[in-house]
Amino acid sequence: MVNPHVLVVPYPAQGHVIPLLELSRCLVEHGVKVTFVNTEHVHMQMKEAITMEGDTGSKIHQVFITVGSEDGKYSSGKLTEAILRVLPRKLEELIEDINGSNGESITCVLVDQTLGWALEIAEKKAIKRAAFCPAAAALLVLGLSIPKLIDDGVIDNEGTPTKKQVIKLSPDMPAMNTQEFAWACLGHKAMQKNVFELMLRNNKSRKSAEWLLCNSSYDLEPAAFTMTPHILPIGPLLASNRLKLDFAGEDSCLTWLDQQATRSVVYVAFGSLAVFNPIQFKELALGLELSNRPFLWVARPDMIHAENEVYLKEFNDRVATQGLIVAWAPQQRVLSHRSIACFVSHCGWNSIMEGLGYGVPFLCWPYFADQFLNRTYISEIWKIGLGFERDESGFITSREIKNKVEQLLGNGEIKARALDIKKLVMDGIKEGGGSNKNFKDFVEWIKGLV
């Protein structure tokens, strides 16, 4: 019997690639052939931290495409332009090459839902289609609600909020500040317009997909799935048991955690994009020092301004007995460690899924896009964390950081709720759980196409 062949196309950013790579591994384990499309730049970013392990990983055929600057040094706007200009043509060529070789044919294209044009290409070539959302279902619901938001006068035709207000898409959905809509808080007017128009186009493109999957669960977002029952959760997609994490310094990082008391360490990490100005960077450093608690801080080299390099060295020397500062950490292994007390996070959805999967409370520091919506889930809906308040100058002060760390770690109810939600979401991916059933139904559909 011929195995079905799925072409997987993520948006070229780490936060999008990682969950789709994990979903690809799950498909391979169920006898599905996978060709995974990645860009050379993202692959180079990830290859030192994530390597294929065992038979499952080695069976994923990866294809690497260059979409822009060879060194990856382009702005978000230029990257989006390159993706829209270059990637569609190269993807179409790839499909033609695969379908024209040795009797091969692509059974289904599984596409990041932000790349609606890829669904259009698959439809043109009469290939079955599935879309995947690596973010919250609520973000999809927000995008699908755009026409109504325009009709109701909440936003104009370019997505700009008509006034600052807090709305709910349904009584049980999380509250949303209109100025923090995912497309409205990008800090650049032209980018806002482009992202908004892309979301409208993607709304139309997704209608051609037979499946719309999401890295979430019914227990996390019941109101969102009630509003849009055609979105099917298959999460959380956690890779801890499938990825070999191999990075210089990993052993020292975990060895340091082994030496700390149970539930004592403040873990600080802001994903792959957040950048701090020098004032905010120093306030964060001082806040961690003032907390008088051990901390593990992931300070990426590209988030540190030149003037902060000297400061960071001095700070590192001063707090050497209290904290550890690293350029990268194996996040899932860190979050699963007994010493972790809380997670200071930018509230990216992958980080949230990982924190939830290990029952870790959050301190929320959203940076842009959907991270503000995710913060609302954490602090107001699930109530498993707290948010920071900014001062009159727009900074999160060292005193605020110290106070929120103390407040969170002194609250046993938050920790208990985090453990309760961990059980709910992990039960969902076990046999009989809602996410597990949706995934198995999807696999059976794929196998039924050949």
Protein backbone atom coordinates (compact mmCIF):
# COMPACT_ATOMS: atom_id res chain seq x y z
CA MET A 1 0.00 0.00 0.00
CA VAL A 2 1.26 3.49 -0.90
CA ASN A 3 1.83 5.79 2.07
CA PRO A 4 0.13 9.18 1.90
CA HIS A 5 2.52 12.07 1.28
CA VAL A 6 1.94 15.37 3.11
CA LEU A 7 3.75 18.57 2.17
CA VAL A 8 4.07 20.73 5.32
CA VAL A 9 4.58 24.48 4.86
CA PRO A 10 5.14 26.61 8.01
CA TYR A 11 5.52 30.37 8.14
CA PRO A 12 9.31 30.86 8.28
CA ALA A 13 9.74 31.82 11.94
CA GLN A 14 10.79 29.62 14.85
CA GLY A 15 7.50 29.95 16.72
CA HIS A 16 5.65 28.64 13.65
CA VAL A 17 8.17 26.01 12.58
CA ILE A 18 8.50 24.24 15.94
CA PRO A 19 4.85 23.11 16.42
CA LEU A 20 4.48 22.09 12.77
CA LEU A 21 7.71 20.11 13.01
CA GLU A 22 6.29 18.31 16.04
CA LEU A 23 3.00 17.67 14.20
CA SER A 24 5.05 16.28 11.31
CA ARG A 25 6.77 13.85 13.69
CA CYS A 26 3.38 12.68 14.92
CA LEU A 27 2.23 12.10 11.33
CA VAL A 28 5.37 10.10 10.51
CA GLU A 29 4.76 7.91 13.56
CA HIS A 30 1.37 7.06 12.04
CA GLY A 31 2.79 5.98 8.69
CA VAL A 32 2.50 9.26 6.78
CA LYS A 33 5.33 10.44 4.54
CA VAL A 34 6.24 14.09 5.22
CA THR A 35 8.14 16.67 3.22
CA PHE A 36 8.81 19.69 5.42
CA VAL A 37 9.51 23.07 3.82
CA ASN A 38 11.80 25.39 5.77
CA THR A 39 13.88 28.44 4.92
CA GLU A 40 17.64 28.28 5.15
CA HIS A 41 17.78 31.15 7.65
CA VAL A 42 15.33 29.60 10.13
CA HIS A 43 16.99 26.21 9.77
CA MET A 44 20.38 27.74 10.61
CA GLN A 45 18.83 29.47 13.66
CA MET A 46 17.40 26.21 14.92
CA LYS A 47 19.87 23.53 13.87
CA GLU A 48 22.21 23.96 16.85
CA ALA A 49 19.33 23.68 19.30
CA ILE A 50 17.17 21.02 17.65
CA THR A 51 18.45 17.97 15.84
CA MET A 52 16.57 15.03 14.42
CA GLU A 53 16.58 12.05 16.74
CA GLY A 54 15.80 8.40 15.99
CA ASP A 55 13.85 6.90 13.12
CA THR A 56 10.93 9.32 13.34
CA GLY A 57 12.99 12.47 12.89
CA SER A 58 15.15 11.02 10.15
CA LYS A 59 12.07 10.11 8.10
CA ILE A 60 11.00 13.73 7.76
CA HIS A 61 12.35 14.98 4.44
CA GLN A 62 13.32 18.63 4.85
CA VAL A 63 13.54 21.01 1.90
CA PHE A 64 15.31 24.33 2.42
CA ILE A 65 14.45 27.48 0.51
CA THR A 66 16.06 30.93 0.50
CA VAL A 67 13.42 33.67 0.53
CA GLY A 68 15.45 36.80 1.23
CA SER A 69 18.74 38.02 2.64
CA GLU A 70 21.23 35.18 2.90
CA ASP A 71 22.22 36.20 6.44
CA GLY A 72 18.63 36.78 7.54
CA LYS A 73 19.32 40.45 8.36
CA TYR A 74 16.10 41.99 7.16
CA SER A 75 13.26 43.77 8.89
CA SER A 76 9.94 42.05 9.54
CA GLY A 77 8.40 44.05 6.71
CA LYS A 78 11.12 43.03 4.25
CA LEU A 79 10.79 39.41 5.35
CA THR A 80 7.02 39.48 4.75
CA GLU A 81 7.63 41.02 1.33
CA ALA A 82 10.20 38.35 0.48
CA ILE A 83 7.88 35.56 1.61
CA LEU A 84 5.01 36.87 -0.53
CA ARG A 85 7.24 37.49 -3.56
CA VAL A 86 9.59 34.49 -3.57
CA LEU A 87 8.13 31.61 -1.59
CA PRO A 88 4.93 31.06 -3.66
CA ARG A 89 6.90 30.57 -6.87
CA LYS A 90 9.40 28.23 -5.23
CA LEU A 91 6.64 26.24 -3.51
CA GLU A 92 4.83 25.75 -6.81
CA GLU A 93 8.07 24.56 -8.40
CA LEU A 94 8.63 22.14 -5.52
CA ILE A 95 5.14 20.64 -5.91
CA GLU A 96 5.71 20.17 -9.63
CA ASP A 97 9.10 18.53 -9.00
CA ILE A 98 7.69 16.09 -6.42
CA ASN A 99 4.64 15.18 -8.48
CA GLY A 100 6.77 14.65 -11.56
CA SER A 101 9.30 12.26 -10.03
CA ASN A 102 9.17 8.46 -9.77
CA GLY A 103 5.41 8.21 -9.64
CA GLU A 104 5.28 10.42 -6.52
CA SER A 105 2.28 12.61 -5.79
CA ILE A 106 1.45 14.87 -2.88
CA THR A 107 -1.64 13.64 -1.06
CA CYS A 108 -2.27 16.73 1.03
CA VAL A 109 -0.73 20.13 1.71
CA LEU A 110 -0.67 21.09 5.41
CA VAL A 111 -0.12 24.84 5.62
CA ASP A 112 0.39 27.41 8.34
CA GLN A 113 -2.88 29.35 8.22
CA THR A 114 -0.99 32.65 7.83
CA LEU A 115 0.12 31.47 4.35
CA GLY A 116 -3.28 31.47 2.67
CA TRP A 117 -1.68 31.75 -0.76
CA ALA A 118 -0.23 28.25 -0.29
CA LEU A 119 -3.77 26.90 0.07
CA GLU A 120 -4.65 28.71 -3.17
CA ILE A 121 -1.73 27.05 -4.96
CA ALA A 122 -2.80 23.61 -3.69
CA GLU A 123 -6.39 24.23 -4.74
CA LYS A 124 -5.25 25.25 -8.22
CA LYS A 125 -3.34 21.95 -8.47
CA ALA A 126 -6.32 19.95 -7.12
CA ILE A 127 -4.43 18.82 -4.00
CA LYS A 128 -6.33 18.31 -0.74
CA ARG A 129 -5.71 21.00 1.86
CA ALA A 130 -5.44 21.43 5.63
CA ALA A 131 -4.58 24.60 7.55
CA PHE A 132 -2.85 24.79 10.93
CA CYS A 133 -2.89 27.60 13.47
CA PRO A 134 0.14 27.62 15.83
CA ALA A 135 -1.53 30.29 17.97
CA ALA A 136 -4.65 30.50 20.13
CA ALA A 137 -8.02 29.66 18.60
CA ALA A 138 -9.15 33.05 19.91
CA LEU A 139 -6.76 34.71 17.45
CA LEU A 140 -8.46 32.87 14.59
CA VAL A 141 -11.86 33.90 15.93
CA LEU A 142 -10.69 37.52 16.04
CA GLY A 143 -9.55 37.33 12.42
CA LEU A 144 -12.82 35.78 11.31
CA SER A 145 -14.69 38.54 13.17
CA ILE A 146 -13.07 41.37 11.21
CA PRO A 147 -16.07 42.00 8.90
CA LYS A 148 -18.38 42.33 11.90
CA LEU A 149 -15.89 44.57 13.71
CA ILE A 150 -15.92 46.88 10.67
CA ASP A 151 -19.73 46.82 10.44
CA ASP A 152 -19.99 47.62 14.16
CA GLY A 153 -17.60 50.55 13.82
CA VAL A 154 -14.98 49.04 16.12
CA ILE A 155 -12.29 49.32 13.41
CA ASP A 156 -12.10 51.05 10.04
CA ASN A 157 -11.49 49.37 6.67
CA GLU A 158 -7.72 49.35 7.27
CA GLY A 159 -8.03 47.73 10.70
CA THR A 160 -7.36 50.88 12.74
CA PRO A 161 -9.43 51.01 15.94
CA THR A 162 -11.91 53.89 15.84
CA LYS A 163 -11.36 54.47 19.55
CA LYS A 164 -9.66 52.86 22.50
CA GLN A 165 -12.06 50.38 24.09
CA VAL A 166 -12.26 46.87 25.52
CA ILE A 167 -14.59 44.41 23.79
CA LYS A 168 -15.61 40.77 23.97
CA LEU A 169 -16.40 38.75 20.86
CA SER A 170 -18.81 36.71 22.99
CA PRO A 171 -19.73 36.88 26.70
CA ASP A 172 -17.29 34.08 27.59
CA MET A 173 -14.40 35.11 25.33
CA PRO A 174 -11.43 36.97 26.83
CA ALA A 175 -11.67 40.76 26.88
CA MET A 176 -9.65 42.47 24.12
CA ASN A 177 -8.27 46.00 24.05
CA THR A 178 -8.85 47.25 20.50
CA GLN A 179 -5.43 48.94 20.46
CA GLU A 180 -3.87 45.55 21.23
CA PHE A 181 -5.49 43.68 18.33
CA ALA A 182 -2.79 41.45 16.81
CA TRP A 183 -2.42 43.62 13.71
CA ALA A 184 -2.80 46.98 15.51
CA CYS A 185 0.13 46.77 17.95
CA LEU A 186 3.01 46.08 15.57
CA GLY A 187 4.48 49.56 15.96
CA HIS A 188 4.49 50.33 12.23
CA LYS A 189 1.53 51.71 10.25
CA ALA A 190 2.49 50.16 6.91
CA MET A 191 3.08 46.77 8.55
CA GLN A 192 -0.31 47.02 10.28
CA LYS A 193 -1.99 47.62 6.93
CA ASN A 194 -0.15 44.75 5.23
CA VAL A 195 -0.84 42.26 8.05
CA PHE A 196 -4.50 43.30 8.20
CA GLU A 197 -4.95 42.83 4.46
CA LEU A 198 -3.19 39.47 4.66
CA MET A 199 -5.55 38.35 7.43
CA LEU A 200 -8.55 39.26 5.25
CA ARG A 201 -7.08 37.30 2.34
CA ASN A 202 -6.33 34.34 4.59
CA ASN A 203 -9.95 34.30 5.79
CA LYS A 204 -11.00 33.64 2.20
CA SER A 205 -8.20 31.16 1.46
CA ARG A 206 -8.94 29.07 4.55
CA LYS A 207 -12.43 28.34 3.25
CA SER A 208 -10.86 25.98 0.70
CA ALA A 209 -9.20 23.89 3.43
CA GLU A 210 -10.92 20.66 4.44
CA TRP A 211 -9.37 20.89 7.93
CA LEU A 212 -8.52 23.79 10.22
CA LEU A 213 -6.34 22.51 13.08
CA CYS A 214 -5.10 24.44 16.10
CA ASN A 215 -2.36 24.00 18.71
CA SER A 216 -4.79 24.36 21.60
CA SER A 217 -7.36 22.31 23.51
CA TYR A 218 -11.07 22.40 24.24
CA ASP A 219 -10.39 22.88 27.96
CA LEU A 220 -8.26 25.97 27.38
CA GLU A 221 -10.57 27.84 25.02
CA PRO A 222 -14.12 26.50 25.25
CA ALA A 223 -15.74 29.79 24.20
CA ALA A 224 -13.57 30.11 21.08
CA PHE A 225 -14.34 26.56 19.95
CA THR A 226 -18.05 27.07 20.65
CA MET A 227 -18.04 30.16 18.40
CA THR A 228 -16.16 28.39 15.61
CA PRO A 229 -16.69 24.62 15.90
CA HIS A 230 -14.90 23.96 12.59
CA ILE A 231 -11.59 24.78 14.31
CA LEU A 232 -10.28 21.53 15.74
CA PRO A 233 -7.70 21.52 18.57
CA ILE A 234 -4.91 18.93 18.53
CA GLY A 235 -2.67 20.46 21.21
CA PRO A 236 -0.65 21.00 23.13
CA LEU A 237 2.06 19.88 20.72
CA LEU A 238 4.99 19.34 23.07
CA ALA A 239 8.26 18.04 21.76
CA SER A 240 10.08 17.18 24.97
CA ASN A 241 10.05 13.44 24.34
CA ARG A 242 10.95 13.74 20.66
CA LEU A 243 13.64 16.37 20.39
CA LYS A 244 17.29 15.93 21.11
CA LEU A 245 18.40 19.27 22.48
CA ASP A 246 22.11 19.70 21.87
CA PHE A 247 23.61 23.10 22.56
CA ALA A 248 26.87 24.31 24.04
CA GLY A 249 26.25 25.11 27.68
CA GLU A 250 23.12 22.99 28.05
CA ASP A 251 24.74 20.68 30.61
CA SER A 252 25.95 23.59 32.74
CA CYS A 253 22.49 25.16 32.61
CA LEU A 254 20.76 22.01 33.84
CA THR A 255 23.53 21.27 36.32
CA TRP A 256 23.02 24.74 37.81
CA LEU A 257 19.27 24.04 38.13
CA ASP A 258 20.04 20.75 39.88
CA GLN A 259 21.81 22.74 42.59
CA GLN A 260 18.79 24.97 43.34
CA ALA A 261 15.99 24.35 45.81
CA THR A 262 12.65 22.97 44.61
CA ARG A 263 10.35 25.66 43.13
CA SER A 264 12.82 28.45 43.85
CA VAL A 265 14.08 29.63 40.43
CA VAL A 266 12.61 32.50 38.41
CA TYR A 267 12.99 31.54 34.72
CA VAL A 268 13.15 34.50 32.32
CA ALA A 269 12.89 34.12 28.53
CA PHE A 270 11.34 36.30 25.84
CA GLY A 271 11.31 34.16 22.71
CA SER A 272 13.25 34.85 19.54
CA LEU A 273 12.10 38.37 18.60
CA ALA A 274 11.66 40.63 21.65
CA VAL A 275 14.20 43.45 21.97
CA PHE A 276 14.62 45.75 25.02
CA ASN A 277 15.96 49.29 25.05
CA PRO A 278 18.85 49.93 27.46
CA ILE A 279 16.71 51.46 30.22
CA GLN A 280 14.24 48.58 30.29
CA PHE A 281 17.05 46.04 30.09
CA LYS A 282 18.66 47.48 33.22
CA GLU A 283 15.35 47.63 35.09
CA LEU A 284 14.82 43.94 34.36
CA ALA A 285 18.30 43.08 35.59
CA LEU A 286 17.86 45.09 38.79
CA GLY A 287 14.41 43.61 39.39
CA LEU A 288 15.81 40.09 39.26
CA GLU A 289 18.58 41.07 41.65
CA LEU A 290 16.12 42.73 44.06
CA SER A 291 13.94 39.61 44.12
CA ASN A 292 16.66 37.88 46.16
CA ARG A 293 15.71 34.64 44.41
CA PRO A 294 17.79 32.44 42.12
CA PHE A 295 17.08 33.20 38.48
CA LEU A 296 17.87 31.74 35.08
CA TRP A 297 17.78 34.49 32.46
CA VAL A 298 17.97 33.78 28.72
CA ALA A 299 19.50 36.97 27.30
CA ARG A 300 19.86 36.45 23.54
CA PRO A 301 22.88 38.26 22.05
CA ASP A 302 20.63 40.03 19.52
CA MET A 303 18.41 41.51 22.26
CA ILE A 304 21.33 43.27 23.94
CA HIS A 305 22.26 46.78 22.78
CA ALA A 306 25.98 47.50 22.55
CA GLU A 307 25.89 49.82 25.57
CA ASN A 308 24.39 47.00 27.64
CA GLU A 309 27.20 44.54 26.96
CA VAL A 310 29.51 46.14 29.53
CA TYR A 311 26.64 46.52 31.99
CA LEU A 312 25.63 42.89 31.58
CA LYS A 313 29.17 41.70 32.29
CA GLU A 314 29.33 43.80 35.46
CA PHE A 315 25.86 42.65 36.50
CA ASN A 316 26.73 39.02 35.83
CA ASP A 317 29.81 39.31 38.05
CA ARG A 318 27.75 40.91 40.80
CA VAL A 319 24.97 38.30 40.87
CA ALA A 320 27.09 35.23 40.09
CA THR A 321 26.03 33.52 43.31
CA GLN A 322 22.32 34.32 42.73
CA GLY A 323 21.60 33.82 39.06
CA LEU A 324 22.73 32.36 35.77
CA ILE A 325 22.59 34.29 32.48
CA VAL A 326 22.75 32.27 29.25
CA ALA A 327 22.34 32.96 25.54
CA TRP A 328 20.02 29.96 25.08
CA ALA A 329 18.36 27.33 27.22
CA PRO A 330 16.56 24.03 26.46
CA GLN A 331 13.22 25.53 27.45
CA GLN A 332 11.10 22.41 27.87
CA ARG A 333 13.76 20.73 29.98
CA VAL A 334 14.04 23.89 32.05
CA LEU A 335 10.28 24.20 32.57
CA SER A 336 10.04 20.54 33.57
CA HIS A 337 12.78 20.93 36.18
CA ARG A 338 11.74 20.66 39.83
CA SER A 339 13.56 23.91 40.73
CA ILE A 340 11.45 26.20 38.50
CA ALA A 341 9.04 28.41 40.46
CA CYS A 342 7.67 30.68 37.71
CA PHE A 343 8.16 31.77 34.11
CA VAL A 344 8.67 35.45 33.17
CA SER A 345 7.52 35.24 29.57
CA HIS A 346 6.70 37.32 26.49
CA CYS A 347 3.53 35.17 26.26
CA GLY A 348 4.23 33.61 22.89
CA TRP A 349 1.79 30.73 22.37
CA ASN A 350 4.49 28.03 22.17
CA SER A 351 5.97 29.18 25.47
CA ILE A 352 2.50 29.19 27.01
CA MET A 353 1.81 25.64 25.84
CA GLU A 354 5.14 24.52 27.28
CA GLY A 355 4.54 26.27 30.60
CA LEU A 356 1.03 24.86 30.85
CA GLY A 357 2.31 21.38 30.08
CA TYR A 358 4.51 21.51 33.18
CA GLY A 359 2.19 23.38 35.52
CA VAL A 360 4.37 26.50 35.79
CA PRO A 361 2.80 29.87 36.82
CA PHE A 362 3.51 32.93 34.66
CA LEU A 363 4.58 36.53 34.97
CA CYS A 364 3.40 38.13 31.74
CA TRP A 365 5.49 40.58 29.70
CA PRO A 366 3.87 40.69 26.22
CA TYR A 367 5.83 42.33 23.42
CA PHE A 368 3.55 42.53 20.36
CA ALA A 369 0.91 40.85 18.16
CA ASP A 370 -1.16 38.10 19.83
CA GLN A 371 0.88 38.14 23.03
CA PHE A 372 -1.49 40.64 24.69
CA LEU A 373 -4.44 38.33 24.07
CA ASN A 374 -2.43 35.44 25.50
CA ARG A 375 -1.68 37.48 28.61
CA THR A 376 -5.41 37.96 29.15
CA TYR A 377 -5.92 34.20 29.04
CA ILE A 378 -3.19 33.68 31.66
CA SER A 379 -4.12 36.43 34.11
CA GLU A 380 -7.90 36.76 33.71
CA ILE A 381 -9.35 33.54 32.25
CA TRP A 382 -7.13 30.71 33.55
CA LYS A 383 -5.80 32.81 36.46
CA ILE A 384 -2.43 31.08 36.50
CA GLY A 385 -0.27 34.19 36.46
CA LEU A 386 0.05 37.93 36.87
CA GLY A 387 0.84 40.79 34.51
CA PHE A 388 3.31 43.63 35.02
CA GLU A 389 2.16 47.26 35.17
CA ARG A 390 4.14 49.98 33.39
CA ASP A 391 5.00 53.32 34.98
CA GLU A 392 4.11 56.74 33.56
CA SER A 393 7.12 56.55 31.24
CA GLY A 394 6.07 53.18 29.85
CA PHE A 395 8.67 51.09 31.66
CA ILE A 396 8.30 48.05 33.89
CA THR A 397 10.40 49.08 36.87
CA SER A 398 12.71 46.95 38.96
CA ARG A 399 10.45 47.52 41.96
CA GLU A 400 7.41 46.29 40.00
CA ILE A 401 9.32 43.16 38.97
CA LYS A 402 10.38 42.46 42.55
CA ASN A 403 6.84 43.00 43.88
CA LYS A 404 5.17 40.79 41.27
CA VAL A 405 7.65 37.96 41.83
CA GLU A 406 6.88 38.08 45.56
CA GLN A 407 3.13 38.31 44.94
CA LEU A 408 3.07 35.38 42.53
CA LEU A 409 5.27 33.05 44.52
CA GLY A 410 3.34 33.79 47.68
CA ASN A 411 0.05 32.77 46.07
CA GLY A 412 -0.64 29.06 46.52
CA GLU A 413 -3.96 29.27 44.65
CA ILE A 414 -2.26 30.29 41.41
CA LYS A 415 0.16 27.37 41.65
CA ALA A 416 -2.70 24.97 42.35
CA ARG A 417 -4.66 26.23 39.33
CA ALA A 418 -1.58 25.85 37.12
CA LEU A 419 -1.32 22.19 38.16
CA ASP A 420 -5.05 21.65 37.56
CA ILE A 421 -4.79 23.08 34.03
CA LYS A 422 -1.71 20.97 33.37
CA LYS A 423 -3.77 17.86 34.08
CA LEU A 424 -6.63 19.05 31.84
CA VAL A 425 -4.48 19.79 28.81
CA MET A 426 -2.32 16.69 29.15
CA ASP A 427 -5.41 14.49 29.50
CA GLY A 428 -6.60 15.99 26.21
CA ILE A 429 -3.69 14.51 24.25
CA LYS A 430 -4.00 11.09 25.87
CA GLU A 431 -6.10 8.26 24.47
CA GLY A 432 -9.75 9.32 24.60
CA GLY A 433 -8.97 13.03 24.97
CA GLY A 434 -10.44 15.63 22.63
CA SER A 435 -7.15 16.66 21.01
CA ASN A 436 -6.10 13.04 20.61
CA LYS A 437 -9.37 12.15 18.87
CA ASN A 438 -9.13 15.10 16.46
CA PHE A 439 -5.57 14.17 15.52
CA LYS A 440 -6.50 10.53 14.90
CA ASP A 441 -9.47 11.58 12.77
CA PHE A 442 -7.15 13.79 10.73
CA VAL A 443 -4.69 10.92 10.18
CA GLU A 444 -7.51 8.60 9.08
CA TRP A 445 -8.72 11.24 6.61
CA ILE A 446 -5.22 11.55 5.14
CA LYS A 447 -4.89 7.77 4.81
CA GLY A 448 -8.29 7.61 3.14
CA LEU A 449 -7.04 9.85 0.31
CA VAL A 450 -4.76 7.16 -1.15
